[in-house]
C-alpha atoms as a PDB file:
ATOM      1  CA  UNK A   1       0.109  -0.113  -0.129  1.00  0.00           C
ATOM      2  CA  UNK A   2       1.547   3.484  -0.881  1.00  0.00           C
ATOM      3  CA  UNK A   3      -0.679   5.702   1.485  1.00  0.00           C
ATOM      4  CA  UNK A   4      -0.377   5.731   5.181  1.00  0.00           C
ATOM      5  CA  UNK A   5      -3.287   4.340   6.994  1.00  0.00           C
ATOM      6  CA  UNK A   6      -5.261   7.257   8.734  1.00  0.00           C
ATOM      7  CA  UNK A   7      -6.040   6.776  12.334  1.00  0.00           C
ATOM      8  CA  UNK A   8      -9.552   5.433  11.596  1.00  0.00           C
ATOM      9  CA  UNK A   9      -7.902   2.906   9.250  1.00  0.00           C
ATOM     10  CA  UNK A  10      -5.185   1.838  11.641  1.00  0.00           C
ATOM     11  CA  UNK A  11      -7.867   1.286  14.259  1.00  0.00           C
ATOM     12  CA  UNK A  12     -10.248  -0.682  11.914  1.00  0.00           C
ATOM     13  CA  UNK A  13      -6.955  -2.649  10.979  1.00  0.00           C
ATOM     14  CA  UNK A  14      -6.133  -3.469  14.638  1.00  0.00           C
ATOM     15  CA  UNK A  15      -9.618  -4.287  15.609  1.00  0.00           C
ATOM     16  CA  UNK A  16      -9.740  -6.747  12.811  1.00  0.00           C
ATOM     17  CA  UNK A  17      -6.553  -8.269  13.741  1.00  0.00           C
ATOM     18  CA  UNK A  18      -7.788  -8.592  17.552  1.00  0.00           C
ATOM     19  CA  UNK A  19     -11.317 -10.095  16.006  1.00  0.00           C
ATOM     20  CA  UNK A  20      -9.220 -12.753  14.067  1.00  0.00           C
ATOM     21  CA  UNK A  21      -7.033 -13.589  17.009  1.00  0.00           C
ATOM     22  CA  UNK A  22     -10.252 -14.094  19.070  1.00  0.00           C
ATOM     23  CA  UNK A  23     -11.506 -16.828  16.141  1.00  0.00           C
ATOM     24  CA  UNK A  24      -8.125 -18.561  16.222  1.00  0.00           C
ATOM     25  CA  UNK A  25      -8.577 -18.919  19.997  1.00  0.00           C
ATOM     26  CA  UNK A  26     -11.984 -20.316  19.423  1.00  0.00           C
ATOM     27  CA  UNK A  27     -10.640 -22.952  16.623  1.00  0.00           C
ATOM     28  CA  UNK A  28      -7.860 -24.125  19.039  1.00  0.00           C
ATOM     29  CA  UNK A  29     -10.794 -24.453  21.826  1.00  0.00           C
ATOM     30  CA  UNK A  30     -12.434 -26.501  19.403  1.00  0.00           C
ATOM     31  CA  UNK A  31      -9.410 -28.653  18.387  1.00  0.00           C
ATOM     32  CA  UNK A  32      -9.032 -29.401  22.172  1.00  0.00           C
ATOM     33  CA  UNK A  33     -12.561 -30.304  22.566  1.00  0.00           C
ATOM     34  CA  UNK A  34     -12.399 -32.722  19.744  1.00  0.00           C
ATOM     35  CA  UNK A  35      -9.047 -34.366  21.004  1.00  0.00           C
ATOM     36  CA  UNK A  36     -10.619 -34.630  24.313  1.00  0.00           C
ATOM     37  CA  UNK A  37     -13.440 -36.781  22.991  1.00  0.00           C
ATOM     38  CA  UNK A  38     -16.330 -34.068  23.955  1.00  0.00           C
ATOM     39  CA  UNK A  39     -19.989 -34.618  22.710  1.00  0.00           C
ATOM     40  CA  UNK A  40     -20.663 -33.365  19.183  1.00  0.00           C
ATOM     41  CA  UNK A  41     -23.252 -30.809  20.192  1.00  0.00           C
ATOM     42  CA  UNK A  42     -21.080 -28.408  22.142  1.00  0.00           C
ATOM     43  CA  UNK A  43     -18.405 -28.513  19.499  1.00  0.00           C
ATOM     44  CA  UNK A  44     -20.786 -27.966  16.723  1.00  0.00           C
ATOM     45  CA  UNK A  45     -22.250 -24.921  18.580  1.00  0.00           C
ATOM     46  CA  UNK A  46     -18.704 -23.749  19.107  1.00  0.00           C
ATOM     47  CA  UNK A  47     -18.031 -24.173  15.263  1.00  0.00           C
ATOM     48  CA  UNK A  48     -20.973 -22.102  14.652  1.00  0.00           C
ATOM     49  CA  UNK A  49     -19.924 -19.119  16.844  1.00  0.00           C
ATOM     50  CA  UNK A  50     -16.461 -19.455  15.134  1.00  0.00           C
ATOM     51  CA  UNK A  51     -18.043 -19.095  11.747  1.00  0.00           C
ATOM     52  CA  UNK A  52     -20.095 -16.641  12.679  1.00  0.00           C
ATOM     53  CA  UNK A  53     -17.152 -14.469  14.236  1.00  0.00           C
ATOM     54  CA  UNK A  54     -15.224 -15.024  10.969  1.00  0.00           C
ATOM     55  CA  UNK A  55     -18.129 -13.919   8.943  1.00  0.00           C
ATOM     56  CA  UNK A  56     -18.557 -10.919  10.888  1.00  0.00           C
ATOM     57  CA  UNK A  57     -14.547 -10.436  10.297  1.00  0.00           C
ATOM     58  CA  UNK A  58     -15.106 -10.469   6.674  1.00  0.00           C
ATOM     59  CA  UNK A  59     -17.876  -8.010   6.446  1.00  0.00           C
ATOM     60  CA  UNK A  60     -16.066  -5.862   8.720  1.00  0.00           C
ATOM     61  CA  UNK A  61     -12.877  -6.045   6.410  1.00  0.00           C
ATOM     62  CA  UNK A  62     -15.204  -5.129   3.207  1.00  0.00           C
ATOM     63  CA  UNK A  63     -16.435  -2.233   5.025  1.00  0.00           C
ATOM     64  CA  UNK A  64     -13.179  -1.224   5.634  1.00  0.00           C
ATOM     65  CA  UNK A  65     -11.955  -1.297   2.000  1.00  0.00           C
ATOM     66  CA  UNK A  66     -15.055   0.952   1.077  1.00  0.00           C
ATOM     67  CA  UNK A  67     -14.791   3.515   3.532  1.00  0.00           C
ATOM     68  CA  UNK A  68     -10.858   3.586   3.847  1.00  0.00           C
ATOM     69  CA  UNK A  69      -9.094   3.899   0.227  1.00  0.00           C
ATOM     70  CA  UNK A  70      -5.838   3.397   2.037  1.00  0.00           C
ATOM     71  CA  UNK A  71      -7.074  -0.034   2.993  1.00  0.00           C
ATOM     72  CA  UNK A  72      -6.973  -1.496  -0.665  1.00  0.00           C
ATOM     73  CA  UNK A  73      -4.661  -1.959  -2.933  1.00  0.00           C
ATOM     74  CA  UNK A  74      -6.128   0.501  -5.398  1.00  0.00           C
ATOM     75  CA  UNK A  75      -6.039   3.881  -2.990  1.00  0.00           C
ATOM     76  CA  UNK A  76      -6.583   6.328  -5.632  1.00  0.00           C
ATOM     77  CA  UNK A  77      -9.381   4.610  -7.228  1.00  0.00           C
ATOM     78  CA  UNK A  78     -12.696   6.653  -7.565  1.00  0.00           C
ATOM     79  CA  UNK A  79     -14.726   6.151  -4.761  1.00  0.00           C
ATOM     80  CA  UNK A  80     -17.836   4.937  -6.808  1.00  0.00           C
ATOM     81  CA  UNK A  81     -15.745   2.556  -8.720  1.00  0.00           C
ATOM     82  CA  UNK A  82     -14.539   1.265  -5.359  1.00  0.00           C
ATOM     83  CA  UNK A  83     -17.842   0.722  -3.754  1.00  0.00           C
ATOM     84  CA  UNK A  84     -18.914  -1.194  -7.108  1.00  0.00           C
ATOM     85  CA  UNK A  85     -15.944  -3.371  -6.926  1.00  0.00           C
ATOM     86  CA  UNK A  86     -16.534  -4.217  -3.032  1.00  0.00           C
ATOM     87  CA  UNK A  87     -20.112  -4.739  -3.793  1.00  0.00           C
ATOM     88  CA  UNK A  88     -19.230  -7.294  -6.613  1.00  0.00           C
ATOM     89  CA  UNK A  89     -16.871  -9.084  -4.093  1.00  0.00           C
ATOM     90  CA  UNK A  90     -19.285  -9.069  -1.441  1.00  0.00           C
ATOM     91  CA  UNK A  91     -21.814 -10.849  -4.029  1.00  0.00           C
ATOM     92  CA  UNK A  92     -19.197 -13.219  -5.294  1.00  0.00           C
ATOM     93  CA  UNK A  93     -17.713 -14.353  -1.876  1.00  0.00           C
ATOM     94  CA  UNK A  94     -20.332 -14.139   0.686  1.00  0.00           C
END
């Protein structure tokens, strides 16, 4: 990225990293549950919670890319075009 991150973009990036670290911790907990032979239902509940947290991180990432041009690989792209590109990504990836 060529442009330095604004304060709000830097905050958004840090929050996203923290969110992903929490998901990572959840996944490690799920692995321990499976290895220790716990029942499937609580494991499935934890998997669903992890999936939901990862989905939220995905949407936050796309919102950041729309809101903060310096958060993308095309920082000088016109805002309308960036929004259209992110909307297509959301439709394709969500």
